[in-house]
PDB file of N, CA and C in Angstrom:
ATOM      1  N   MET A   1      33.014  90.641 101.638  1.00  0.00           N
ATOM      2  CA  MET A   1      31.995  90.023 101.914  1.00  0.00           C
ATOM      3  C   MET A   1      30.902  90.688 101.354  1.00  0.00           C
ATOM      4  N   ILE A   2      30.747  92.280 101.274  1.00  0.00           N
ATOM      5  CA  ILE A   2      29.838  93.150 100.926  1.00  0.00           C
ATOM      6  C   ILE A   2      30.079  93.076  99.136  1.00  0.00           C
ATOM      7  N   PHE A   3      31.353  92.692  98.718  1.00  0.00           N
ATOM      8  CA  PHE A   3      31.755  92.726  97.247  1.00  0.00           C
ATOM      9  C   PHE A   3      31.195  91.441  96.604  1.00  0.00           C
ATOM     10  N   SER A   4      31.403  90.394  97.888  1.00  0.00           N
ATOM     11  CA  SER A   4      31.081  89.273  96.799  1.00  0.00           C
ATOM     12  C   SER A   4      29.210  89.287  96.755  1.00  0.00           C
ATOM     13  N   ALA A   5      28.416  89.789  97.863  1.00  0.00           N
ATOM     14  CA  ALA A   5      26.973  89.732  97.941  1.00  0.00           C
ATOM     15  C   ALA A   5      26.585  90.554  96.858  1.00  0.00           C
ATOM     16  N   PHE A   6      27.294  91.647  96.461  1.00  0.00           N
ATOM     17  CA  PHE A   6      26.706  92.459  95.523  1.00  0.00           C
ATOM     18  C   PHE A   6      27.085  92.148  93.979  1.00  0.00           C
ATOM     19  N   SER A   7      28.406  91.210  93.956  1.00  0.00           N
ATOM     20  CA  SER A   7      28.744  90.683  92.439  1.00  0.00           C
ATOM     21  C   SER A   7      27.538  89.479  92.454  1.00  0.00           C
ATOM     22  N   HIS A   8      27.265  88.656  93.524  1.00  0.00           N
ATOM     23  CA  HIS A   8      26.220  87.557  93.389  1.00  0.00           C
ATOM     24  C   HIS A   8      25.090  88.464  92.629  1.00  0.00           C
ATOM     25  N   VAL A   9      24.492  89.645  93.101  1.00  0.00           N
ATOM     26  CA  VAL A   9      23.363  89.790  92.828  1.00  0.00           C
ATOM     27  C   VAL A   9      23.382  90.491  91.336  1.00  0.00           C
ATOM     28  N   LEU A  10      24.767  91.158  91.179  1.00  0.00           N
ATOM     29  CA  LEU A  10      24.791  91.564  89.888  1.00  0.00           C
ATOM     30  C   LEU A  10      24.796  90.240  88.543  1.00  0.00           C
ATOM     31  N   PHE A  11      25.337  88.967  89.189  1.00  0.00           N
ATOM     32  CA  PHE A  11      25.506  87.938  88.174  1.00  0.00           C
ATOM     33  C   PHE A  11      23.870  87.539  88.450  1.00  0.00           C
ATOM     34  N   PHE A  12      23.199  87.507  89.400  1.00  0.00           N
ATOM     35  CA  PHE A  12      21.836  86.929  88.980  1.00  0.00           C
ATOM     36  C   PHE A  12      21.020  88.226  87.850  1.00  0.00           C
ATOM     37  N   LEU A  13      20.874  89.248  88.322  1.00  0.00           N
ATOM     38  CA  LEU A  13      20.385  90.177  87.430  1.00  0.00           C
ATOM     39  C   LEU A  13      20.603  90.140  85.646  1.00  0.00           C
ATOM     40  N   GLY A  14      22.236  90.080  85.715  1.00  0.00           N
ATOM     41  CA  GLY A  14      22.725  89.698  84.226  1.00  0.00           C
ATOM     42  C   GLY A  14      21.885  88.167  83.761  1.00  0.00           C
ATOM     43  N   PHE A  15      22.027  87.206  84.571  1.00  0.00           N
ATOM     44  CA  PHE A  15      21.511  85.840  84.023  1.00  0.00           C
ATOM     45  C   PHE A  15      19.928  85.997  83.661  1.00  0.00           C
ATOM     46  N   LEU A  16      19.076  86.718  84.627  1.00  0.00           N
ATOM     47  CA  LEU A  16      17.890  86.797  84.451  1.00  0.00           C
ATOM     48  C   LEU A  16      17.741  87.679  83.188  1.00  0.00           C
ATOM     49  N   SER A  17      18.388  88.794  82.841  1.00  0.00           N
ATOM     50  CA  SER A  17      18.001  89.585  81.636  1.00  0.00           C
ATOM     51  C   SER A  17      18.423  88.615  80.681  1.00  0.00           C
ATOM     52  N   LEU A  18      19.571  87.774  80.581  1.00  0.00           N
ATOM     53  CA  LEU A  18      19.910  86.868  79.275  1.00  0.00           C
ATOM     54  C   LEU A  18      18.561  86.057  78.704  1.00  0.00           C
ATOM     55  N   VAL A  19      17.991  85.633  79.893  1.00  0.00           N
ATOM     56  CA  VAL A  19      16.918  84.576  80.060  1.00  0.00           C
ATOM     57  C   VAL A  19      15.823  85.339  79.043  1.00  0.00           C
ATOM     58  N   LEU A  20      15.465  86.540  79.971  1.00  0.00           N
ATOM     59  CA  LEU A  20      14.092  87.272  79.337  1.00  0.00           C
ATOM     60  C   LEU A  20      14.487  87.774  77.859  1.00  0.00           C
ATOM     61  N   ARG A  21      15.754  88.157  77.551  1.00  0.00           N
ATOM     62  CA  ARG A  21      16.147  88.468  76.216  1.00  0.00           C
ATOM     63  C   ARG A  21      15.944  87.454  75.178  1.00  0.00           C
ATOM     64  N   LYS A  22      16.680  86.339  75.650  1.00  0.00           N
ATOM     65  CA  LYS A  22      16.568  84.991  74.523  1.00  0.00           C
ATOM     66  C   LYS A  22      15.771  84.180  74.379  1.00  0.00           C
ATOM     67  N   PHE A  23      14.671  84.048  75.393  1.00  0.00           N
ATOM     68  CA  PHE A  23      13.660  82.984  75.746  1.00  0.00           C
ATOM     69  C   PHE A  23      12.067  83.715  76.084  1.00  0.00           C
ATOM     70  N   ASP A  24      11.973  84.874  75.411  1.00  0.00           N
ATOM     71  CA  ASP A  24      10.641  85.442  75.693  1.00  0.00           C
ATOM     72  C   ASP A  24       9.677  85.372  74.515  1.00  0.00           C
ATOM     73  N   TYR A  25       9.185  84.225  74.711  1.00  0.00           N
ATOM     74  CA  TYR A  25       8.462  84.063  73.676  1.00  0.00           C
ATOM     75  C   TYR A  25       7.004  83.487  74.195  1.00  0.00           C
ATOM     76  N   HIS A  26       5.660  83.182  73.477  1.00  0.00           N
ATOM     77  CA  HIS A  26       4.720  82.500  73.891  1.00  0.00           C
ATOM     78  C   HIS A  26       4.595  81.277  73.440  1.00  0.00           C
ATOM     79  N   SER A  27       4.364  80.168  74.501  1.00  0.00           N
ATOM     80  CA  SER A  27       4.352  78.887  74.247  1.00  0.00           C
ATOM     81  C   SER A  27       2.950  78.447  74.918  1.00  0.00           C
ATOM     82  N   LYS A  28       2.125  78.038  74.442  1.00  0.00           N
ATOM     83  CA  LYS A  28       1.093  76.984  75.053  1.00  0.00           C
ATOM     84  C   LYS A  28       1.386  76.281  76.055  1.00  0.00           C
ATOM     85  N   ILE A  29       2.323  75.310  75.549  1.00  0.00           N
ATOM     86  CA  ILE A  29       2.832  74.575  77.071  1.00  0.00           C
ATOM     87  C   ILE A  29       3.112  74.948  78.144  1.00  0.00           C
ATOM     88  N   ALA A  30       4.246  76.271  78.001  1.00  0.00           N
ATOM     89  CA  ALA A  30       4.259  76.848  79.143  1.00  0.00           C
ATOM     90  C   ALA A  30       3.461  77.332  79.753  1.00  0.00           C
ATOM     91  N   HIS A  31       2.326  77.911  79.109  1.00  0.00           N
ATOM     92  CA  HIS A  31       1.388  78.702  79.790  1.00  0.00           C
ATOM     93  C   HIS A  31       0.558  77.834  80.365  1.00  0.00           C
ATOM     94  N   PHE A  32       0.022  76.483  79.722  1.00  0.00           N
ATOM     95  CA  PHE A  32      -0.696  75.473  80.580  1.00  0.00           C
ATOM     96  C   PHE A  32       0.180  75.062  81.863  1.00  0.00           C
ATOM     97  N   ILE A  33       1.270  74.833  81.711  1.00  0.00           N
ATOM     98  CA  ILE A  33       2.145  74.338  83.098  1.00  0.00           C
ATOM     99  C   ILE A  33       2.412  75.437  83.809  1.00  0.00           C
ATOM    100  N   LEU A  34       2.485  76.900  83.753  1.00  0.00           N
ATOM    101  CA  LEU A  34       1.990  77.566  84.506  1.00  0.00           C
ATOM    102  C   LEU A  34       0.988  77.947  85.160  1.00  0.00           C
ATOM    103  N   ASN A  35      -0.357  77.672  84.450  1.00  0.00           N
ATOM    104  CA  ASN A  35      -1.672  77.738  85.203  1.00  0.00           C
ATOM    105  C   ASN A  35      -1.858  76.514  85.845  1.00  0.00           C
ATOM    106  N   ALA A  36      -0.989  75.497  85.674  1.00  0.00           N
ATOM    107  CA  ALA A  36      -1.392  74.237  86.395  1.00  0.00           C
ATOM    108  C   ALA A  36      -0.337  74.027  88.051  1.00  0.00           C
ATOM    109  N   SER A  37       0.398  74.820  87.743  1.00  0.00           N
ATOM    110  CA  SER A  37       1.611  74.770  88.730  1.00  0.00           C
ATOM    111  C   SER A  37       0.981  74.898  90.126  1.00  0.00           C
ATOM    112  N   TYR A  38       0.285  75.514  90.703  1.00  0.00           N
ATOM    113  CA  TYR A  38      -0.269  76.283  91.764  1.00  0.00           C
ATOM    114  C   TYR A  38      -1.004  74.957  92.310  1.00  0.00           C
ATOM    115  N   TRP A  39      -2.009  74.515  91.157  1.00  0.00           N
ATOM    116  CA  TRP A  39      -2.876  73.027  91.636  1.00  0.00           C
ATOM    117  C   TRP A  39      -1.849  71.936  91.872  1.00  0.00           C
ATOM    118  N   THR A  40      -1.097  71.882  90.975  1.00  0.00           N
ATOM    119  CA  THR A  40       0.093  70.773  91.097  1.00  0.00           C
ATOM    120  C   THR A  40       0.989  70.484  92.431  1.00  0.00           C
ATOM    121  N   TYR A  41       1.166  71.836  92.857  1.00  0.00           N
ATOM    122  CA  TYR A  41       1.859  72.025  94.073  1.00  0.00           C
ATOM    123  C   TYR A  41       0.862  71.373  95.500  1.00  0.00           C
ATOM    124  N   LEU A  42      -0.349  71.754  95.079  1.00  0.00           N
ATOM    125  CA  LEU A  42      -1.356  71.629  96.277  1.00  0.00           C
ATOM    126  C   LEU A  42      -1.484  70.251  96.373  1.00  0.00           C
ATOM    127  N   ILE A  43      -1.652  69.320  95.461  1.00  0.00           N
ATOM    128  CA  ILE A  43      -2.374  68.227  95.063  1.00  0.00           C
ATOM    129  C   ILE A  43      -1.230  67.003  95.016  1.00  0.00           C
ATOM    130  N   HIS A  44       0.211  67.110  94.691  1.00  0.00           N
ATOM    131  CA  HIS A  44       1.081  66.427  93.986  1.00  0.00           C
ATOM    132  C   HIS A  44       1.367  65.436  95.139  1.00  0.00           C
ATOM    133  N   VAL A  45       1.117  65.741  96.612  1.00  0.00           N
ATOM    134  CA  VAL A  45       1.533  64.794  97.630  1.00  0.00           C
ATOM    135  C   VAL A  45       0.583  63.548  97.732  1.00  0.00           C
ATOM    136  N   ILE A  46      -0.618  63.743  97.397  1.00  0.00           N
ATOM    137  CA  ILE A  46      -1.427  62.811  97.680  1.00  0.00           C
ATOM    138  C   ILE A  46      -1.485  61.847  96.626  1.00  0.00           C
ATOM    139  N   PHE A  47      -1.197  62.089  95.457  1.00  0.00           N
ATOM    140  CA  PHE A  47      -0.265  61.315  94.251  1.00  0.00           C
ATOM    141  C   PHE A  47       0.581  60.803  94.062  1.00  0.00           C
ATOM    142  N   ILE A  48       1.798  61.244  95.006  1.00  0.00           N
ATOM    143  CA  ILE A  48       2.869  60.448  95.172  1.00  0.00           C
ATOM    144  C   ILE A  48       2.453  59.219  95.939  1.00  0.00           C
ATOM    145  N   VAL A  49       1.769  59.428  97.022  1.00  0.00           N
ATOM    146  CA  VAL A  49       1.598  58.414  98.375  1.00  0.00           C
ATOM    147  C   VAL A  49       0.605  57.283  97.445  1.00  0.00           C
ATOM    148  N   LEU A  50      -0.304  57.778  96.465  1.00  0.00           N
ATOM    149  CA  LEU A  50      -1.361  56.913  96.181  1.00  0.00           C
ATOM    150  C   LEU A  50      -0.370  55.970  94.791  1.00  0.00           C
ATOM    151  N   THR A  51       0.406  56.625  94.553  1.00  0.00           N
ATOM    152  CA  THR A  51       1.033  56.015  93.260  1.00  0.00           C
ATOM    153  C   THR A  51       2.105  55.065  93.779  1.00  0.00           C
ATOM    154  N   TYR A  52       2.766  55.565  95.020  1.00  0.00           N
ATOM    155  CA  TYR A  52       3.874  54.413  95.855  1.00  0.00           C
ATOM    156  C   TYR A  52       3.242  53.608  96.389  1.00  0.00           C
ATOM    157  N   MET A  53       2.036  53.695  96.898  1.00  0.00           N
ATOM    158  CA  MET A  53       1.458  52.503  97.339  1.00  0.00           C
ATOM    159  C   MET A  53       0.618  51.551  96.334  1.00  0.00           C
ATOM    160  N   LEU A  54       0.510  51.837  94.858  1.00  0.00           N
ATOM    161  CA  LEU A  54       0.178  51.005  93.866  1.00  0.00           C
ATOM    162  C   LEU A  54       1.251  50.490  93.528  1.00  0.00           C
ATOM    163  N   ILE A  55       2.725  50.802  93.424  1.00  0.00           N
ATOM    164  CA  ILE A  55       3.637  50.259  92.542  1.00  0.00           C
ATOM    165  C   ILE A  55       4.902  49.558  93.886  1.00  0.00           C
ATOM    166  N   ASN A  56       4.755  50.040  95.224  1.00  0.00           N
ATOM    167  CA  ASN A  56       5.493  49.665  95.929  1.00  0.00           C
ATOM    168  C   ASN A  56       5.960  48.113  95.968  1.00  0.00           C
ATOM    169  N   ASN A  57       5.095  46.871  95.839  1.00  0.00           N
ATOM    170  CA  ASN A  57       5.519  45.676  96.272  1.00  0.00           C
ATOM    171  C   ASN A  57       5.658  45.105  94.665  1.00  0.00           C
ATOM    172  N   TRP A  58       5.163  45.957  93.684  1.00  0.00           N
ATOM    173  CA  TRP A  58       5.090  45.604  92.352  1.00  0.00           C
ATOM    174  C   TRP A  58       6.990  45.764  91.493  1.00  0.00           C
ATOM    175  N   ILE A  59       7.410  46.662  91.868  1.00  0.00           N
ATOM    176  CA  ILE A  59       8.756  46.858  91.443  1.00  0.00           C
ATOM    177  C   ILE A  59       9.913  47.070  92.731  1.00  0.00           C
ATOM    178  N   GLU A  60      10.927  46.447  92.662  1.00  0.00           N
ATOM    179  CA  GLU A  60      12.023  46.207  93.282  1.00  0.00           C
ATOM    180  C   GLU A  60      13.284  47.202  93.121  1.00  0.00           C
ATOM    181  N   ASN A  61      13.433  47.351  91.877  1.00  0.00           N
ATOM    182  CA  ASN A  61      14.138  48.668  91.445  1.00  0.00           C
ATOM    183  C   ASN A  61      14.051  49.838  92.264  1.00  0.00           C
ATOM    184  N   ILE A  62      14.875  50.511  92.518  1.00  0.00           N
ATOM    185  CA  ILE A  62      14.534  52.168  93.076  1.00  0.00           C
ATOM    186  C   ILE A  62      14.463  52.696  92.489  1.00  0.00           C
ATOM    187  N   TYR A  63      15.363  52.884  91.398  1.00  0.00           N
ATOM    188  CA  TYR A  63      15.382  53.777  90.285  1.00  0.00           C
ATOM    189  C   TYR A  63      14.147  53.842  89.390  1.00  0.00           C
ATOM    190  N   MET A  64      13.561  52.751  89.087  1.00  0.00           N
ATOM    191  CA  MET A  64      12.608  52.656  88.231  1.00  0.00           C
ATOM    192  C   MET A  64      11.095  52.907  89.328  1.00  0.00           C
ATOM    193  N   LYS A  65      11.131  52.623  90.209  1.00  0.00           N
ATOM    194  CA  LYS A  65      10.227  53.339  91.315  1.00  0.00           C
ATOM    195  C   LYS A  65      10.151  55.105  91.029  1.00  0.00           C
ATOM    196  N   PHE A  66      11.322  55.406  91.272  1.00  0.00           N
ATOM    197  CA  PHE A  66      11.542  56.888  91.356  1.00  0.00           C
ATOM    198  C   PHE A  66      11.007  57.423  89.610  1.00  0.00           C
ATOM    199  N   ILE A  67      11.255  56.871  88.870  1.00  0.00           N
ATOM    200  CA  ILE A  67      10.984  57.342  87.560  1.00  0.00           C
ATOM    201  C   ILE A  67       9.439  57.177  87.097  1.00  0.00           C
ATOM    202  N   LEU A  68       8.958  55.968  87.482  1.00  0.00           N
ATOM    203  CA  LEU A  68       7.273  55.475  87.439  1.00  0.00           C
ATOM    204  C   LEU A  68       6.528  56.522  88.552  1.00  0.00           C
ATOM    205  N   LEU A  69       7.383  57.116  89.627  1.00  0.00           N
ATOM    206  CA  LEU A  69       6.481  58.088  90.279  1.00  0.00           C
ATOM    207  C   LEU A  69       6.496  59.293  89.817  1.00  0.00           C
ATOM    208  N   LEU A  70       7.460  59.741  89.463  1.00  0.00           N
ATOM    209  CA  LEU A  70       7.674  60.743  88.580  1.00  0.00           C
ATOM    210  C   LEU A  70       6.896  61.080  87.344  1.00  0.00           C
ATOM    211  N   ILE A  71       6.704  59.955  86.699  1.00  0.00           N
ATOM    212  CA  ILE A  71       5.917  60.109  85.351  1.00  0.00           C
ATOM    213  C   ILE A  71       4.426  60.089  86.018  1.00  0.00           C
ATOM    214  N   GLY A  72       4.351  59.163  86.798  1.00  0.00           N
ATOM    215  CA  GLY A  72       3.052  58.887  87.164  1.00  0.00           C
ATOM    216  C   GLY A  72       2.378  60.441  88.015  1.00  0.00           C
ATOM    217  N   THR A  73       2.966  60.564  88.796  1.00  0.00           N
ATOM    218  CA  THR A  73       2.572  61.747  89.722  1.00  0.00           C
ATOM    219  C   THR A  73       2.282  62.984  88.442  1.00  0.00           C
ATOM    220  N   THR A  74       3.246  63.195  87.734  1.00  0.00           N
ATOM    221  CA  THR A  74       2.834  64.465  86.768  1.00  0.00           C
ATOM    222  C   THR A  74       1.764  63.847  85.822  1.00  0.00           C
ATOM    223  N   ILE A  75       1.584  63.342  85.351  1.00  0.00           N
ATOM    224  CA  ILE A  75       0.630  63.015  84.469  1.00  0.00           C
ATOM    225  C   ILE A  75      -0.971  63.171  85.542  1.00  0.00           C
ATOM    226  N   LEU A  76      -1.165  62.407  86.567  1.00  0.00           N
ATOM    227  CA  LEU A  76      -2.138  62.427  87.474  1.00  0.00           C
ATOM    228  C   LEU A  76      -2.245  63.958  87.914  1.00  0.00           C
ATOM    229  N   CYS A  77      -1.534  64.474  88.096  1.00  0.00           N
ATOM    230  CA  CYS A  77      -1.447  65.956  88.580  1.00  0.00           C
ATOM    231  C   CYS A  77      -2.250  66.807  87.314  1.00  0.00           C
ATOM    232  N   PHE A  78      -1.525  66.532  86.268  1.00  0.00           N
ATOM    233  CA  PHE A  78      -1.968  67.340  84.954  1.00  0.00           C
ATOM    234  C   PHE A  78      -3.497  66.857  84.698  1.00  0.00           C
ATOM    235  N   LEU A  79      -3.842  65.757  84.873  1.00  0.00           N
ATOM    236  CA  LEU A  79      -5.034  65.308  84.355  1.00  0.00           C
ATOM    237  C   LEU A  79      -5.829  65.682  85.177  1.00  0.00           C
ATOM    238  N   SER A  80      -5.742  65.797  86.532  1.00  0.00           N
ATOM    239  CA  SER A  80      -6.244  66.183  87.471  1.00  0.00           C
ATOM    240  C   SER A  80      -6.949  67.725  87.312  1.00  0.00           C
ATOM    241  N   TYR A  81      -5.866  68.471  86.808  1.00  0.00           N
ATOM    242  CA  TYR A  81      -5.936  69.834  86.742  1.00  0.00           C
ATOM    243  C   TYR A  81      -7.107  69.992  85.605  1.00  0.00           C
ATOM    244  N   ILE A  82      -6.822  69.211  84.467  1.00  0.00           N
ATOM    245  CA  ILE A  82      -7.614  69.296  83.076  1.00  0.00           C
ATOM    246  C   ILE A  82      -9.280  68.742  83.530  1.00  0.00           C
ATOM    247  N   LEU A  83      -9.308  67.950  84.459  1.00  0.00           N
ATOM    248  CA  LEU A  83     -10.617  67.661  84.607  1.00  0.00           C
ATOM    249  C   LEU A  83     -11.394  68.040  85.767  1.00  0.00           C
ATOM    250  N   LEU A  84     -10.835  68.492  86.592  1.00  0.00           N
ATOM    251  CA  LEU A  84     -11.321  69.207  88.017  1.00  0.00           C
ATOM    252  C   LEU A  84     -11.440  70.597  88.122  1.00  0.00           C
ATOM    253  N   VAL A  85     -10.125  71.274  87.729  1.00  0.00           N
ATOM    254  CA  VAL A  85      -9.794  72.387  87.781  1.00  0.00           C
ATOM    255  C   VAL A  85     -10.166  73.355  86.818  1.00  0.00           C
ATOM    256  N   LYS A  86      -9.546  73.333  85.624  1.00  0.00           N
ATOM    257  CA  LYS A  86      -9.185  74.239  84.440  1.00  0.00           C
ATOM    258  C   LYS A  86     -10.485  74.950  84.096  1.00  0.00           C
ATOM    259  N   ASN A  87     -11.891  74.603  83.823  1.00  0.00           N
ATOM    260  CA  ASN A  87     -13.000  75.521  83.554  1.00  0.00           C
ATOM    261  C   ASN A  87     -14.049  75.157  84.284  1.00  0.00           C
ATOM    262  N   THR A  88     -13.373  75.498  86.110  1.00  0.00           N
ATOM    263  CA  THR A  88     -14.409  75.410  86.809  1.00  0.00           C
ATOM    264  C   THR A  88     -14.287  76.832  87.769  1.00  0.00           C
ATOM    265  N   PHE A  89     -14.668  77.202  88.591  1.00  0.00           N
ATOM    266  CA  PHE A  89     -14.508  78.296  89.568  1.00  0.00           C
ATOM    267  C   PHE A  89     -13.309  77.904  90.585  1.00  0.00           C
ATOM    268  N   ILE A  90     -12.946  77.376  90.802  1.00  0.00           N
ATOM    269  CA  ILE A  90     -11.429  76.604  90.983  1.00  0.00           C
ATOM    270  C   ILE A  90     -10.496  77.452  90.333  1.00  0.00           C
ATOM    271  N   GLY A  91     -10.452  76.968  89.180  1.00  0.00           N
ATOM    272  CA  GLY A  91      -9.532  77.569  88.009  1.00  0.00           C
ATOM    273  C   GLY A  91      -9.516  78.846  88.223  1.00  0.00           C
ATOM    274  N   TYR A  92     -10.963  79.693  87.907  1.00  0.00           N
ATOM    275  CA  TYR A  92     -10.873  80.927  88.114  1.00  0.00           C
ATOM    276  C   TYR A  92     -10.207  81.463  89.500  1.00  0.00           C
ATOM    277  N   PHE A  93     -10.152  80.573  90.477  1.00  0.00           N
ATOM    278  CA  PHE A  93     -10.132  81.084  91.797  1.00  0.00           C
ATOM    279  C   PHE A  93      -8.226  81.348  91.748  1.00  0.00           C
ATOM    280  N   LEU A  94      -7.502  80.218  91.305  1.00  0.00           N
ATOM    281  CA  LEU A  94      -6.331  80.024  91.448  1.00  0.00           C
ATOM    282  C   LEU A  94      -5.496  80.744  90.150  1.00  0.00           C
ATOM    283  N   ASN A  95      -6.100  80.765  89.125  1.00  0.00           N
ATOM    284  CA  ASN A  95      -5.446  81.592  87.995  1.00  0.00           C
ATOM    285  C   ASN A  95      -5.871  82.739  87.565  1.00  0.00           C
ATOM    286  N   GLY A  96      -7.026  83.030  87.940  1.00  0.00           N
ATOM    287  CA  GLY A  96      -7.669  84.878  87.858  1.00  0.00           C
ATOM    288  C   GLY A  96      -8.208  84.398  86.082  1.00  0.00           C
ATOM    289  N   LYS A  97      -8.799  85.531  85.643  1.00  0.00           N
ATOM    290  CA  LYS A  97      -9.716  85.677  84.541  1.00  0.00           C
ATOM    291  C   LYS A  97      -8.913  85.378  83.576  1.00  0.00           C
ATOM    292  N   LYS A  98      -9.654  84.543  82.603  1.00  0.00           N
ATOM    293  CA  LYS A  98      -8.743  84.357  81.504  1.00  0.00           C
ATOM    294  C   LYS A  98      -8.603  85.402  80.430  1.00  0.00           C
ATOM    295  N   ILE A  99      -7.448  85.607  79.755  1.00  0.00           N
ATOM    296  CA  ILE A  99      -7.358  86.890  78.728  1.00  0.00           C
ATOM    297  C   ILE A  99      -6.993  86.074  77.522  1.00  0.00           C
ATOM    298  N   LYS A 100      -8.001  86.269  76.558  1.00  0.00           N
ATOM    299  CA  LYS A 100      -7.957  85.766  74.998  1.00  0.00           C
ATOM    300  C   LYS A 100      -7.357  86.921  74.079  1.00  0.00           C
TER     301      LYS A 100
END
């Protein structure tokens, strides 16, 4: 059991080092998603409920509802971040000082 736990930790550290070595580059999209992630976490349930109430009687297919909820919630969360949070004191509070 100890060997199994130790091997899992080593596997995780090896995988983490592989990802950091091969995929360590700066991306504006990744940086934007990183900054918007906490706001998205805080607000996404409200947008899920609002989007579901909007499409509940409109679409019968459950898979189509899921796809529309996923896309709609993502778009609404990122738009709300851009319009309400990014360049305000809330953005400074959530993400810290901008480094250029």
